[in-house]
Amino acid sequence: AWIVLLISFAVFVLLAVAIPLAVSYSLENVTTRLDAALDPSQGTLLLYTPAAVEPIAITALRKEIPEGSTIEAAGNSTQATLRLINDEKAEEVQGSVQIYGDTVLTVDNMRRPLFEMSSAPFRVQLTLQQGQMRIFTNTGLARPLAVEIDTPHGVILLETGSYQIVVTPDQTDVIASNGSATLKKGPDGMLVVTDGLRAWMTNSSMSDTPEPASQNLVRNGNFTEPVLNSWSSY
């Protein structure tokens, strides 16, 4: 009888602690899925949805882009806008992605808290396999937005702002027009890029420090080396 009483009391104490903790955790962390919207502005895009066997050609606005979908912008002239979370309460779009030609982008995860009382942000996770995109993130009045972008060379975490990301087979380039982007590579590699700066990652390394976003595209444009090493005289 004592064993039964002690076990019953232990179970009561366990439930008295576990149930409120479980309810609190659920109110704060349980999420629900959201759909993005894809709006082609030039050319035809291919949409690979999780349930589809064949790609879908997108030539007009499509409002339901579910998690797990891959968007392929074939051709140099193809462009489109991927609208992220639409915060109906604040009557604004929380973020958008401008997709350019020869780009492959996957919408891995796009969630909002299930309960309004939660303080958790909207969360978006994208994978840029190749190509170029410009992403705008906006913190709404009701809830902030956390964006994570995976590339073949590392992970990029974005705060509110505007960023340009380019992925080639050799490296990932990140330019912060405004805002703050954190580049993460492995357990120890981390670099913060702020307004007007850029950085890069490869399979084996990353920038030591951010550099100015502007780049000199003219070889030996400052004429610090002998002219004949880079220029042809005629």
Foldseek 3Di string as FASTA:
>chain_A
DVVVVVVVVVVVVVCVPVVVVVVVCLQADDKDWDFKKKAWDDDWKWKDAPPDPGTDIDDGIDGGHGAFMKIAAADQATKIKIFADQDVVQRGGFKMKIFGHGWIKHFHGWIDRPHLPHQAATETEMETAFAKMKMAGHQGPRGHYWYWYHYPFFIKTFHGAIKMWGDDLFKIKIAGCAGKMWTDGPPPDIAIHHHQWMWMGGNVGIDPHTHGPDDDPQVCPVVPDPPVVRDDDD
